[in-house]
C-alpha atoms as a PDB file:
ATOM      1  CA  MET A   1      15.663  -6.296   2.016  1.00  0.00           C
ATOM      2  CA  ILE A   2      18.505  -4.670   3.881  1.00  0.00           C
ATOM      3  CA  GLY A   3      18.360  -2.231   6.767  1.00  0.00           C
ATOM      4  CA  THR A   4      18.108  -1.805  10.480  1.00  0.00           C
ATOM      5  CA  PRO A   5      15.523  -3.869  12.368  1.00  0.00           C
ATOM      6  CA  ASP A   6      13.349  -0.737  12.520  1.00  0.00           C
ATOM      7  CA  ASP A   7      13.635  -0.229   8.742  1.00  0.00           C
ATOM      8  CA  VAL A   8      12.890  -3.866   7.908  1.00  0.00           C
ATOM      9  CA  ALA A   9       9.926  -4.014  10.279  1.00  0.00           C
ATOM     10  CA  ALA A  10       8.553  -0.706   8.968  1.00  0.00           C
ATOM     11  CA  ASP A  11       8.691  -1.932   5.363  1.00  0.00           C
ATOM     12  CA  LEU A  12       7.060  -5.260   6.229  1.00  0.00           C
ATOM     13  CA  VAL A  13       4.321  -3.535   8.235  1.00  0.00           C
ATOM     14  CA  GLU A  14       3.694  -1.095   5.383  1.00  0.00           C
ATOM     15  CA  TRP A  15       3.198  -3.998   2.955  1.00  0.00           C
ATOM     16  CA  TRP A  16       1.023  -5.805   5.514  1.00  0.00           C
ATOM     17  CA  ASP A  17      -1.172  -2.770   6.238  1.00  0.00           C
ATOM     18  CA  SER A  18      -1.642  -1.990   2.556  1.00  0.00           C
ATOM     19  CA  GLY A  19      -2.878  -5.546   1.912  1.00  0.00           C
ATOM     20  CA  VAL A  20      -0.092  -6.296  -0.548  1.00  0.00           C
ATOM     21  CA  VAL A  21       0.937  -9.383   1.450  1.00  0.00           C
ATOM     22  CA  ASP A  22      -0.672 -11.769   3.907  1.00  0.00           C
ATOM     23  CA  GLY A  23       2.580 -13.354   5.060  1.00  0.00           C
ATOM     24  CA  PHE A  24       6.286 -13.543   4.437  1.00  0.00           C
ATOM     25  CA  THR A  25       8.834 -16.150   3.400  1.00  0.00           C
ATOM     26  CA  LEU A  26      12.352 -15.570   4.661  1.00  0.00           C
ATOM     27  CA  GLN A  27      15.574 -16.467   2.890  1.00  0.00           C
ATOM     28  CA  LEU A  28      18.279 -15.330   5.242  1.00  0.00           C
ATOM     29  CA  PRO A  29      21.878 -15.368   3.981  1.00  0.00           C
ATOM     30  CA  VAL A  30      23.642 -16.495   7.167  1.00  0.00           C
ATOM     31  CA  LEU A  31      22.030 -19.140   9.351  1.00  0.00           C
ATOM     32  CA  PRO A  32      21.581 -19.282  12.284  1.00  0.00           C
ATOM     33  CA  ASP A  33      22.904 -15.772  12.979  1.00  0.00           C
ATOM     34  CA  ASP A  34      20.543 -13.841  10.693  1.00  0.00           C
ATOM     35  CA  LEU A  35      17.565 -15.910  11.824  1.00  0.00           C
ATOM     36  CA  ARG A  36      18.378 -15.166  15.455  1.00  0.00           C
ATOM     37  CA  LEU A  37      18.724 -11.460  14.649  1.00  0.00           C
ATOM     38  CA  PHE A  38      15.410 -11.423  12.774  1.00  0.00           C
ATOM     39  CA  VAL A  39      13.569 -13.238  15.567  1.00  0.00           C
ATOM     40  CA  ASP A  40      15.113 -11.159  18.345  1.00  0.00           C
ATOM     41  CA  GLU A  41      14.949  -7.746  16.683  1.00  0.00           C
ATOM     42  CA  VAL A  42      12.380  -7.655  13.862  1.00  0.00           C
ATOM     43  CA  VAL A  43       9.634 -10.015  15.051  1.00  0.00           C
ATOM     44  CA  PRO A  44       8.946  -8.074  18.275  1.00  0.00           C
ATOM     45  CA  ARG A  45       8.490  -4.921  16.205  1.00  0.00           C
ATOM     46  CA  LEU A  46       6.068  -6.749  13.904  1.00  0.00           C
ATOM     47  CA  VAL A  47       4.099  -8.080  16.869  1.00  0.00           C
ATOM     48  CA  ARG A  48       3.886  -4.600  18.436  1.00  0.00           C
ATOM     49  CA  ALA A  49       2.598  -3.273  15.113  1.00  0.00           C
ATOM     50  CA  GLY A  50      -0.073  -5.999  14.962  1.00  0.00           C
ATOM     51  CA  ALA A  51       1.343  -7.561  11.803  1.00  0.00           C
ATOM     52  CA  ARG A  52       1.421 -11.110  13.097  1.00  0.00           C
ATOM     53  CA  LEU A  53      -1.729 -13.185  12.712  1.00  0.00           C
ATOM     54  CA  ASP A  54      -0.863 -16.334  14.580  1.00  0.00           C
ATOM     55  CA  GLN A  55       0.329 -16.008  18.149  1.00  0.00           C
ATOM     56  CA  ASP A  56       0.263 -19.799  18.681  1.00  0.00           C
ATOM     57  CA  PRO A  57       3.469 -21.388  17.314  1.00  0.00           C
ATOM     58  CA  GLN A  58       2.010 -24.892  17.842  1.00  0.00           C
ATOM     59  CA  ARG A  59      -0.830 -24.227  15.430  1.00  0.00           C
ATOM     60  CA  THR A  60      -0.621 -26.144  12.155  1.00  0.00           C
ATOM     61  CA  LEU A  61      -1.977 -25.470   8.684  1.00  0.00           C
ATOM     62  CA  ARG A  62      -4.443 -28.321   9.233  1.00  0.00           C
ATOM     63  CA  THR A  63      -5.859 -26.674  12.371  1.00  0.00           C
ATOM     64  CA  ARG A  64      -6.029 -23.270  10.698  1.00  0.00           C
ATOM     65  CA  PHE A  65      -8.392 -24.713   8.100  1.00  0.00           C
ATOM     66  CA  ASP A  66     -10.177 -26.894  10.680  1.00  0.00           C
ATOM     67  CA  LEU A  67      -9.364 -30.096   8.783  1.00  0.00           C
ATOM     68  CA  PRO A  68      -9.851 -33.455  10.512  1.00  0.00           C
ATOM     69  CA  LEU A  69      -6.850 -35.549  11.502  1.00  0.00           C
ATOM     70  CA  GLY A  70      -6.339 -38.763   9.566  1.00  0.00           C
ATOM     71  CA  GLU A  71      -5.959 -42.103  11.355  1.00  0.00           C
ATOM     72  CA  ASN A  72      -2.173 -42.183  10.890  1.00  0.00           C
ATOM     73  CA  THR A  73      -1.503 -38.492  11.405  1.00  0.00           C
ATOM     74  CA  PRO A  74       1.341 -37.750  13.824  1.00  0.00           C
ATOM     75  CA  GLN A  75       0.355 -35.264  16.499  1.00  0.00           C
ATOM     76  CA  LEU A  76       2.272 -32.725  18.550  1.00  0.00           C
ATOM     77  CA  THR A  77       2.574 -33.720  22.174  1.00  0.00           C
END
């Protein structure tokens, strides 16, 4: 997908709102520059549009599914 931050966000929100997707995987061509641009410019537009489920970046897949921690499971501190 190529375009301005507004264009990219609008397309992603359209897919989100139509139920076509429930998340996105990014493959950005130039790291870290494109990642920084996406985070700084596109993500805020997605958040404003309500297309971001998880507002807690510390949340893990395990906690999303309410799975118990194993005895030797490292934990975020």
